[in-house]
mmCIF file of all heavy atoms, coordinates in Angstrom:
data_MODEL
# 
_entry.id   MODEL 
# 
loop_
_atom_site.group_PDB 
_atom_site.id 
_atom_site.type_symbol 
_atom_site.label_atom_id 
_atom_site.label_alt_id 
_atom_site.label_comp_id 
_atom_site.label_asym_id 
_atom_site.label_entity_id 
_atom_site.label_seq_id 
_atom_site.pdbx_PDB_ins_code 
_atom_site.Cartn_x 
_atom_site.Cartn_y 
_atom_site.Cartn_z 
_atom_site.occupancy 
_atom_site.B_iso_or_equiv 
_atom_site.pdbx_formal_charge 
_atom_site.auth_seq_id 
_atom_site.auth_comp_id 
_atom_site.auth_asym_id 
_atom_site.auth_atom_id 
_atom_site.pdbx_PDB_model_num 
ATOM 1   N N   . ASN A 1 1  ? 2.512  4.593   7.426   1.00 0.00 ? 1  ASN A N   1 
ATOM 2   C CA  . ASN A 1 1  ? 1.128  4.773   7.001   1.00 0.00 ? 1  ASN A CA  1 
ATOM 3   C C   . ASN A 1 1  ? 0.223  4.983   8.213   1.00 0.00 ? 1  ASN A C   1 
ATOM 4   O O   . ASN A 1 1  ? -0.032 4.052   8.972   1.00 0.00 ? 1  ASN A O   1 
ATOM 5   C CB  . ASN A 1 1  ? 0.648  3.549   6.216   1.00 0.00 ? 1  ASN A CB  1 
ATOM 6   C CG  . ASN A 1 1  ? 1.491  3.298   4.983   1.00 0.00 ? 1  ASN A CG  1 
ATOM 7   O OD1 . ASN A 1 1  ? 2.047  4.230   4.400   1.00 0.00 ? 1  ASN A OD1 1 
ATOM 8   N ND2 . ASN A 1 1  ? 1.613  2.042   4.590   1.00 0.00 ? 1  ASN A ND2 1 
ATOM 9   N N   . VAL A 1 2  ? -0.235 6.202   8.375   1.00 0.00 ? 2  VAL A N   1 
ATOM 10  C CA  . VAL A 1 2  ? -1.140 6.536   9.476   1.00 0.00 ? 2  VAL A CA  1 
ATOM 11  C C   . VAL A 1 2  ? -2.584 6.412   8.994   1.00 0.00 ? 2  VAL A C   1 
ATOM 12  O O   . VAL A 1 2  ? -3.308 5.503   9.408   1.00 0.00 ? 2  VAL A O   1 
ATOM 13  C CB  . VAL A 1 2  ? -0.846 7.943   10.026  1.00 0.00 ? 2  VAL A CB  1 
ATOM 14  C CG1 . VAL A 1 2  ? -1.801 8.285   11.168  1.00 0.00 ? 2  VAL A CG1 1 
ATOM 15  C CG2 . VAL A 1 2  ? 0.605  8.044   10.505  1.00 0.00 ? 2  VAL A CG2 1 
ATOM 16  N N   . ALA A 1 3  ? -2.997 7.309   8.100   1.00 0.00 ? 3  ALA A N   1 
ATOM 17  C CA  . ALA A 1 3  ? -4.354 7.234   7.550   1.00 0.00 ? 3  ALA A CA  1 
ATOM 18  C C   . ALA A 1 3  ? -4.374 7.734   6.111   1.00 0.00 ? 3  ALA A C   1 
ATOM 19  O O   . ALA A 1 3  ? -5.143 8.634   5.762   1.00 0.00 ? 3  ALA A O   1 
ATOM 20  C CB  . ALA A 1 3  ? -5.316 8.039   8.414   1.00 0.00 ? 3  ALA A CB  1 
ATOM 21  N N   . PRO A 1 4  ? -3.522 7.162   5.231   1.00 0.00 ? 4  PRO A N   1 
ATOM 22  C CA  . PRO A 1 4  ? -3.503 7.592   3.836   1.00 0.00 ? 4  PRO A CA  1 
ATOM 23  C C   . PRO A 1 4  ? -4.630 6.940   3.040   1.00 0.00 ? 4  PRO A C   1 
ATOM 24  O O   . PRO A 1 4  ? -5.288 6.005   3.518   1.00 0.00 ? 4  PRO A O   1 
ATOM 25  C CB  . PRO A 1 4  ? -2.140 7.093   3.341   1.00 0.00 ? 4  PRO A CB  1 
ATOM 26  C CG  . PRO A 1 4  ? -1.918 5.846   4.138   1.00 0.00 ? 4  PRO A CG  1 
ATOM 27  C CD  . PRO A 1 4  ? -2.524 6.111   5.494   1.00 0.00 ? 4  PRO A CD  1 
ATOM 28  N N   . ASP A 1 5  ? -4.852 7.423   1.828   1.00 0.00 ? 5  ASP A N   1 
ATOM 29  C CA  . ASP A 1 5  ? -5.781 6.790   0.891   1.00 0.00 ? 5  ASP A CA  1 
ATOM 30  C C   . ASP A 1 5  ? -5.077 5.554   0.319   1.00 0.00 ? 5  ASP A C   1 
ATOM 31  O O   . ASP A 1 5  ? -4.193 5.664   -0.520  1.00 0.00 ? 5  ASP A O   1 
ATOM 32  C CB  . ASP A 1 5  ? -6.143 7.776   -0.219  1.00 0.00 ? 5  ASP A CB  1 
ATOM 33  C CG  . ASP A 1 5  ? -7.158 7.212   -1.211  1.00 0.00 ? 5  ASP A CG  1 
ATOM 34  O OD1 . ASP A 1 5  ? -7.356 5.978   -1.246  1.00 0.00 ? 5  ASP A OD1 1 
ATOM 35  O OD2 . ASP A 1 5  ? -7.725 8.012   -1.978  1.00 0.00 ? 5  ASP A OD2 1 
ATOM 36  N N   . MET A 1 6  ? -5.475 4.377   0.772   1.00 0.00 ? 6  MET A N   1 
ATOM 37  C CA  . MET A 1 6  ? -4.767 3.155   0.418   1.00 0.00 ? 6  MET A CA  1 
ATOM 38  C C   . MET A 1 6  ? -4.947 2.765   -1.048  1.00 0.00 ? 6  MET A C   1 
ATOM 39  O O   . MET A 1 6  ? -4.216 1.910   -1.553  1.00 0.00 ? 6  MET A O   1 
ATOM 40  C CB  . MET A 1 6  ? -5.222 2.011   1.325   1.00 0.00 ? 6  MET A CB  1 
ATOM 41  C CG  . MET A 1 6  ? -5.030 2.267   2.815   1.00 0.00 ? 6  MET A CG  1 
ATOM 42  S SD  . MET A 1 6  ? -3.312 2.547   3.291   1.00 0.00 ? 6  MET A SD  1 
ATOM 43  C CE  . MET A 1 6  ? -2.631 0.908   3.116   1.00 0.00 ? 6  MET A CE  1 
ATOM 44  N N   . SER A 1 7  ? -5.880 3.384   -1.740  1.00 0.00 ? 7  SER A N   1 
ATOM 45  C CA  . SER A 1 7  ? -6.096 3.029   -3.151  1.00 0.00 ? 7  SER A CA  1 
ATOM 46  C C   . SER A 1 7  ? -4.893 3.406   -4.014  1.00 0.00 ? 7  SER A C   1 
ATOM 47  O O   . SER A 1 7  ? -4.735 2.865   -5.113  1.00 0.00 ? 7  SER A O   1 
ATOM 48  C CB  . SER A 1 7  ? -7.355 3.707   -3.685  1.00 0.00 ? 7  SER A CB  1 
ATOM 49  O OG  . SER A 1 7  ? -7.189 5.110   -3.808  1.00 0.00 ? 7  SER A OG  1 
ATOM 50  N N   . TYR A 1 8  ? -4.043 4.307   -3.526  1.00 0.00 ? 8  TYR A N   1 
ATOM 51  C CA  . TYR A 1 8  ? -2.902 4.721   -4.348  1.00 0.00 ? 8  TYR A CA  1 
ATOM 52  C C   . TYR A 1 8  ? -1.847 3.622   -4.479  1.00 0.00 ? 8  TYR A C   1 
ATOM 53  O O   . TYR A 1 8  ? -1.004 3.677   -5.375  1.00 0.00 ? 8  TYR A O   1 
ATOM 54  C CB  . TYR A 1 8  ? -2.285 6.007   -3.788  1.00 0.00 ? 8  TYR A CB  1 
ATOM 55  C CG  . TYR A 1 8  ? -3.062 7.230   -4.214  1.00 0.00 ? 8  TYR A CG  1 
ATOM 56  C CD1 . TYR A 1 8  ? -4.177 7.648   -3.501  1.00 0.00 ? 8  TYR A CD1 1 
ATOM 57  C CD2 . TYR A 1 8  ? -2.707 7.952   -5.357  1.00 0.00 ? 8  TYR A CD2 1 
ATOM 58  C CE1 . TYR A 1 8  ? -4.921 8.751   -3.902  1.00 0.00 ? 8  TYR A CE1 1 
ATOM 59  C CE2 . TYR A 1 8  ? -3.428 9.058   -5.755  1.00 0.00 ? 8  TYR A CE2 1 
ATOM 60  C CZ  . TYR A 1 8  ? -4.537 9.454   -5.033  1.00 0.00 ? 8  TYR A CZ  1 
ATOM 61  O OH  . TYR A 1 8  ? -5.270 10.546  -5.450  1.00 0.00 ? 8  TYR A OH  1 
ATOM 62  N N   . TRP A 1 9  ? -1.893 2.628   -3.610  1.00 0.00 ? 9  TRP A N   1 
ATOM 63  C CA  . TRP A 1 9  ? -0.971 1.501   -3.788  1.00 0.00 ? 9  TRP A CA  1 
ATOM 64  C C   . TRP A 1 9  ? -1.391 0.606   -4.952  1.00 0.00 ? 9  TRP A C   1 
ATOM 65  O O   . TRP A 1 9  ? -0.607 -0.218  -5.402  1.00 0.00 ? 9  TRP A O   1 
ATOM 66  C CB  . TRP A 1 9  ? -0.863 0.694   -2.497  1.00 0.00 ? 9  TRP A CB  1 
ATOM 67  C CG  . TRP A 1 9  ? 0.199  1.225   -1.580  1.00 0.00 ? 9  TRP A CG  1 
ATOM 68  C CD1 . TRP A 1 9  ? 1.515  0.877   -1.543  1.00 0.00 ? 9  TRP A CD1 1 
ATOM 69  C CD2 . TRP A 1 9  ? 0.037  2.220   -0.562  1.00 0.00 ? 9  TRP A CD2 1 
ATOM 70  N NE1 . TRP A 1 9  ? 2.180  1.581   -0.572  1.00 0.00 ? 9  TRP A NE1 1 
ATOM 71  C CE2 . TRP A 1 9  ? 1.296  2.412   0.046   1.00 0.00 ? 9  TRP A CE2 1 
ATOM 72  C CE3 . TRP A 1 9  ? -1.059 2.950   -0.102  1.00 0.00 ? 9  TRP A CE3 1 
ATOM 73  C CZ2 . TRP A 1 9  ? 1.495  3.321   1.088   1.00 0.00 ? 9  TRP A CZ2 1 
ATOM 74  C CZ3 . TRP A 1 9  ? -0.854 3.857   0.930   1.00 0.00 ? 9  TRP A CZ3 1 
ATOM 75  C CH2 . TRP A 1 9  ? 0.405  4.030   1.514   1.00 0.00 ? 9  TRP A CH2 1 
ATOM 76  N N   . ASP A 1 10 ? -2.613 0.786   -5.458  1.00 0.00 ? 10 ASP A N   1 
ATOM 77  C CA  . ASP A 1 10 ? -3.039 0.020   -6.629  1.00 0.00 ? 10 ASP A CA  1 
ATOM 78  C C   . ASP A 1 10 ? -2.234 0.408   -7.864  1.00 0.00 ? 10 ASP A C   1 
ATOM 79  O O   . ASP A 1 10 ? -2.168 -0.362  -8.825  1.00 0.00 ? 10 ASP A O   1 
ATOM 80  C CB  . ASP A 1 10 ? -4.532 0.256   -6.914  1.00 0.00 ? 10 ASP A CB  1 
ATOM 81  C CG  . ASP A 1 10 ? -5.428 -0.277  -5.815  1.00 0.00 ? 10 ASP A CG  1 
ATOM 82  O OD1 . ASP A 1 10 ? -4.959 -1.125  -5.019  1.00 0.00 ? 10 ASP A OD1 1 
ATOM 83  O OD2 . ASP A 1 10 ? -6.598 0.162   -5.736  1.00 0.00 ? 10 ASP A OD2 1 
ATOM 84  N N   . GLY A 1 11 ? -1.627 1.590   -7.835  1.00 0.00 ? 11 GLY A N   1 
ATOM 85  C CA  . GLY A 1 11 ? -0.888 2.070   -8.996  1.00 0.00 ? 11 GLY A CA  1 
ATOM 86  C C   . GLY A 1 11 ? 0.530  1.582   -9.094  1.00 0.00 ? 11 GLY A C   1 
ATOM 87  O O   . GLY A 1 11 ? 1.226  1.868   -10.084 1.00 0.00 ? 11 GLY A O   1 
ATOM 88  N N   . ILE A 1 12 ? 1.023  0.850   -8.092  1.00 0.00 ? 12 ILE A N   1 
ATOM 89  C CA  . ILE A 1 12 ? 2.406  0.369   -8.092  1.00 0.00 ? 12 ILE A CA  1 
ATOM 90  C C   . ILE A 1 12 ? 2.474  -1.046  -7.535  1.00 0.00 ? 12 ILE A C   1 
ATOM 91  O O   . ILE A 1 12 ? 1.544  -1.512  -6.884  1.00 0.00 ? 12 ILE A O   1 
ATOM 92  C CB  . ILE A 1 12 ? 3.335  1.276   -7.245  1.00 0.00 ? 12 ILE A CB  1 
ATOM 93  C CG1 . ILE A 1 12 ? 2.828  1.361   -5.787  1.00 0.00 ? 12 ILE A CG1 1 
ATOM 94  C CG2 . ILE A 1 12 ? 3.494  2.653   -7.868  1.00 0.00 ? 12 ILE A CG2 1 
ATOM 95  C CD1 . ILE A 1 12 ? 3.762  2.081   -4.834  1.00 0.00 ? 12 ILE A CD1 1 
ATOM 96  N N   . ILE A 1 13 ? 3.586  -1.694  -7.822  1.00 0.00 ? 13 ILE A N   1 
ATOM 97  C CA  . ILE A 1 13 ? 3.969  -2.895  -7.076  1.00 0.00 ? 13 ILE A CA  1 
ATOM 98  C C   . ILE A 1 13 ? 4.947  -2.401  -6.010  1.00 0.00 ? 13 ILE A C   1 
ATOM 99  O O   . ILE A 1 13 ? 6.129  -2.201  -6.277  1.00 0.00 ? 13 ILE A O   1 
ATOM 100 C CB  . ILE A 1 13 ? 4.610  -3.956  -7.984  1.00 0.00 ? 13 ILE A CB  1 
ATOM 101 C CG1 . ILE A 1 13 ? 3.647  -4.356  -9.103  1.00 0.00 ? 13 ILE A CG1 1 
ATOM 102 C CG2 . ILE A 1 13 ? 5.026  -5.186  -7.172  1.00 0.00 ? 13 ILE A CG2 1 
ATOM 103 C CD1 . ILE A 1 13 ? 4.246  -5.286  -10.134 1.00 0.00 ? 13 ILE A CD1 1 
ATOM 104 N N   . GLY A 1 14 ? 4.417  -2.106  -4.833  1.00 0.00 ? 14 GLY A N   1 
ATOM 105 C CA  . GLY A 1 14 ? 5.192  -1.430  -3.796  1.00 0.00 ? 14 GLY A CA  1 
ATOM 106 C C   . GLY A 1 14 ? 6.497  -2.136  -3.478  1.00 0.00 ? 14 GLY A C   1 
ATOM 107 O O   . GLY A 1 14 ? 6.506  -3.327  -3.165  1.00 0.00 ? 14 GLY A O   1 
ATOM 108 N N   . CYS A 1 15 ? 7.601  -1.359  -3.571  1.00 0.00 ? 15 CYS A N   1 
ATOM 109 C CA  . CYS A 1 15 ? 8.953  -1.880  -3.289  1.00 0.00 ? 15 CYS A CA  1 
ATOM 110 C C   . CYS A 1 15 ? 9.312  -3.054  -4.193  1.00 0.00 ? 15 CYS A C   1 
ATOM 111 O O   . CYS A 1 15 ? 10.245 -3.809  -3.905  1.00 0.00 ? 15 CYS A O   1 
ATOM 112 C CB  . CYS A 1 15 ? 9.094  -2.275  -1.823  1.00 0.00 ? 15 CYS A CB  1 
ATOM 113 S SG  . CYS A 1 15 ? 8.798  -0.904  -0.691  1.00 0.00 ? 15 CYS A SG  1 
ATOM 114 N N   . GLY A 1 16 ? 8.539  -3.232  -5.284  1.00 0.00 ? 16 GLY A N   1 
ATOM 115 C CA  . GLY A 1 16 ? 8.792  -4.335  -6.203  1.00 0.00 ? 16 GLY A CA  1 
ATOM 116 C C   . GLY A 1 16 ? 8.409  -5.683  -5.648  1.00 0.00 ? 16 GLY A C   1 
ATOM 117 O O   . GLY A 1 16 ? 8.827  -6.721  -6.183  1.00 0.00 ? 16 GLY A O   1 
ATOM 118 N N   . LEU A 1 17 ? 7.596  -5.708  -4.586  1.00 0.00 ? 17 LEU A N   1 
ATOM 119 C CA  . LEU A 1 17 ? 7.236  -6.957  -3.912  1.00 0.00 ? 17 LEU A CA  1 
ATOM 120 C C   . LEU A 1 17 ? 5.814  -7.350  -4.292  1.00 0.00 ? 17 LEU A C   1 
ATOM 121 O O   . LEU A 1 17 ? 4.844  -6.873  -3.683  1.00 0.00 ? 17 LEU A O   1 
ATOM 122 C CB  . LEU A 1 17 ? 7.362  -6.798  -2.394  1.00 0.00 ? 17 LEU A CB  1 
ATOM 123 C CG  . LEU A 1 17 ? 8.759  -6.448  -1.869  1.00 0.00 ? 17 LEU A CG  1 
ATOM 124 C CD1 . LEU A 1 17 ? 8.707  -6.165  -0.377  1.00 0.00 ? 17 LEU A CD1 1 
ATOM 125 C CD2 . LEU A 1 17 ? 9.747  -7.558  -2.178  1.00 0.00 ? 17 LEU A CD2 1 
ATOM 126 N N   . GLU A 1 18 ? 5.686  -8.197  -5.293  1.00 0.00 ? 18 GLU A N   1 
ATOM 127 C CA  . GLU A 1 18 ? 4.372  -8.674  -5.720  1.00 0.00 ? 18 GLU A CA  1 
ATOM 128 C C   . GLU A 1 18 ? 3.765  -9.549  -4.636  1.00 0.00 ? 18 GLU A C   1 
ATOM 129 O O   . GLU A 1 18 ? 4.432  -10.402 -4.042  1.00 0.00 ? 18 GLU A O   1 
ATOM 130 C CB  . GLU A 1 18 ? 4.509  -9.479  -7.016  1.00 0.00 ? 18 GLU A CB  1 
ATOM 131 C CG  . GLU A 1 18 ? 3.193  -9.874  -7.647  1.00 0.00 ? 18 GLU A CG  1 
ATOM 132 C CD  . GLU A 1 18 ? 2.503  -8.726  -8.359  1.00 0.00 ? 18 GLU A CD  1 
ATOM 133 O OE1 . GLU A 1 18 ? 3.014  -8.282  -9.410  1.00 0.00 ? 18 GLU A OE1 1 
ATOM 134 O OE2 . GLU A 1 18 ? 1.453  -8.285  -7.842  1.00 0.00 ? 18 GLU A OE2 1 
ATOM 135 N N   . GLY A 1 19 ? 2.498  -9.321  -4.339  1.00 0.00 ? 19 GLY A N   1 
ATOM 136 C CA  . GLY A 1 19 ? 1.797  -10.183 -3.395  1.00 0.00 ? 19 GLY A CA  1 
ATOM 137 C C   . GLY A 1 19 ? 1.989  -9.844  -1.938  1.00 0.00 ? 19 GLY A C   1 
ATOM 138 O O   . GLY A 1 19 ? 1.538  -10.595 -1.065  1.00 0.00 ? 19 GLY A O   1 
ATOM 139 N N   . HIS A 1 20 ? 2.637  -8.719  -1.635  1.00 0.00 ? 20 HIS A N   1 
ATOM 140 C CA  . HIS A 1 20 ? 2.809  -8.299  -0.242  1.00 0.00 ? 20 HIS A CA  1 
ATOM 141 C C   . HIS A 1 20 ? 1.869  -7.129  0.021   1.00 0.00 ? 20 HIS A C   1 
ATOM 142 O O   . HIS A 1 20 ? 2.047  -6.044  -0.525  1.00 0.00 ? 20 HIS A O   1 
ATOM 143 C CB  . HIS A 1 20 ? 4.256  -7.894  0.034   1.00 0.00 ? 20 HIS A CB  1 
ATOM 144 C CG  . HIS A 1 20 ? 5.189  -9.058  0.148   1.00 0.00 ? 20 HIS A CG  1 
ATOM 145 N ND1 . HIS A 1 20 ? 5.622  -9.758  -0.954  1.00 0.00 ? 20 HIS A ND1 1 
ATOM 146 C CD2 . HIS A 1 20 ? 5.743  -9.655  1.237   1.00 0.00 ? 20 HIS A CD2 1 
ATOM 147 C CE1 . HIS A 1 20 ? 6.431  -10.735 -0.549  1.00 0.00 ? 20 HIS A CE1 1 
ATOM 148 N NE2 . HIS A 1 20 ? 6.515  -10.695 0.768   1.00 0.00 ? 20 HIS A NE2 1 
ATOM 149 N N   . PRO A 1 21 ? 0.861  -7.304  0.866   1.00 0.00 ? 21 PRO A N   1 
ATOM 150 C CA  . PRO A 1 21 ? -0.108 -6.240  1.121   1.00 0.00 ? 21 PRO A CA  1 
ATOM 151 C C   . PRO A 1 21 ? 0.479  -5.107  1.946   1.00 0.00 ? 21 PRO A C   1 
ATOM 152 O O   . PRO A 1 21 ? 1.532  -5.243  2.571   1.00 0.00 ? 21 PRO A O   1 
ATOM 153 C CB  . PRO A 1 21 ? -1.216 -6.963  1.885   1.00 0.00 ? 21 PRO A CB  1 
ATOM 154 C CG  . PRO A 1 21 ? -0.514 -8.083  2.578   1.00 0.00 ? 21 PRO A CG  1 
ATOM 155 C CD  . PRO A 1 21 ? 0.570  -8.523  1.636   1.00 0.00 ? 21 PRO A CD  1 
ATOM 156 N N   . VAL A 1 22 ? -0.223 -3.990  1.930   1.00 0.00 ? 22 VAL A N   1 
ATOM 157 C CA  . VAL A 1 22 ? 0.137  -2.855  2.780   1.00 0.00 ? 22 VAL A CA  1 
ATOM 158 C C   . VAL A 1 22 ? -1.011 -2.588  3.743   1.00 0.00 ? 22 VAL A C   1 
ATOM 159 O O   . VAL A 1 22 ? -2.157 -2.972  3.490   1.00 0.00 ? 22 VAL A O   1 
ATOM 160 C CB  . VAL A 1 22 ? 0.444  -1.595  1.949   1.00 0.00 ? 22 VAL A CB  1 
ATOM 161 C CG1 . VAL A 1 22 ? 1.720  -1.766  1.160   1.00 0.00 ? 22 VAL A CG1 1 
ATOM 162 C CG2 . VAL A 1 22 ? -0.725 -1.255  1.022   1.00 0.00 ? 22 VAL A CG2 1 
ATOM 163 N N   . THR A 1 23 ? -0.682 -1.926  4.841   1.00 0.00 ? 23 THR A N   1 
ATOM 164 C CA  . THR A 1 23 ? -1.708 -1.599  5.824   1.00 0.00 ? 23 THR A CA  1 
ATOM 165 C C   . THR A 1 23 ? -1.399 -0.238  6.431   1.00 0.00 ? 23 THR A C   1 
ATOM 166 O O   . THR A 1 23 ? -0.404 0.412   6.075   1.00 0.00 ? 23 THR A O   1 
ATOM 167 C CB  . THR A 1 23 ? -1.811 -2.693  6.908   1.00 0.00 ? 23 THR A CB  1 
ATOM 168 O OG1 . THR A 1 23 ? -2.998 -2.482  7.676   1.00 0.00 ? 23 THR A OG1 1 
ATOM 169 C CG2 . THR A 1 23 ? -0.588 -2.705  7.808   1.00 0.00 ? 23 THR A CG2 1 
ATOM 170 N N   . SER A 1 24 ? -2.251 0.200   7.344   1.00 0.00 ? 24 SER A N   1 
ATOM 171 C CA  . SER A 1 24 ? -2.102 1.505   7.976   1.00 0.00 ? 24 SER A CA  1 
ATOM 172 C C   . SER A 1 24 ? -2.705 1.456   9.374   1.00 0.00 ? 24 SER A C   1 
ATOM 173 O O   . SER A 1 24 ? -3.453 0.531   9.719   1.00 0.00 ? 24 SER A O   1 
ATOM 174 C CB  . SER A 1 24 ? -2.805 2.584   7.148   1.00 0.00 ? 24 SER A CB  1 
ATOM 175 O OG  . SER A 1 24 ? -4.215 2.353   7.148   1.00 0.00 ? 24 SER A OG  1 
ATOM 176 N N   . LEU A 1 25 ? -2.388 2.459   10.163  1.00 0.00 ? 25 LEU A N   1 
ATOM 177 C CA  . LEU A 1 25 ? -2.983 2.536   11.498  1.00 0.00 ? 25 LEU A CA  1 
ATOM 178 C C   . LEU A 1 25 ? -4.497 2.659   11.418  1.00 0.00 ? 25 LEU A C   1 
ATOM 179 O O   . LEU A 1 25 ? -5.214 2.140   12.270  1.00 0.00 ? 25 LEU A O   1 
ATOM 180 C CB  . LEU A 1 25 ? -2.386 3.718   12.259  1.00 0.00 ? 25 LEU A CB  1 
ATOM 181 C CG  . LEU A 1 25 ? -0.956 3.537   12.776  1.00 0.00 ? 25 LEU A CG  1 
ATOM 182 C CD1 . LEU A 1 25 ? -0.425 4.839   13.353  1.00 0.00 ? 25 LEU A CD1 1 
ATOM 183 C CD2 . LEU A 1 25 ? -0.895 2.430   13.817  1.00 0.00 ? 25 LEU A CD2 1 
ATOM 184 N N   . SER A 1 26 ? -5.003 3.350   10.396  1.00 0.00 ? 26 SER A N   1 
ATOM 185 C CA  . SER A 1 26 ? -6.451 3.516   10.267  1.00 0.00 ? 26 SER A CA  1 
ATOM 186 C C   . SER A 1 26 ? -7.146 2.193   9.971   1.00 0.00 ? 26 SER A C   1 
ATOM 187 O O   . SER A 1 26 ? -8.333 2.038   10.281  1.00 0.00 ? 26 SER A O   1 
ATOM 188 C CB  . SER A 1 26 ? -6.771 4.542   9.180   1.00 0.00 ? 26 SER A CB  1 
ATOM 189 O OG  . SER A 1 26 ? -6.332 4.101   7.910   1.00 0.00 ? 26 SER A OG  1 
# 
């Protein structure tokens, strides 16, 4: 994740890991 629109992670439970946030270089 360099500078993506982070709102798109709201549509999934990323990697099936509930409660684990995501981040980016931006």
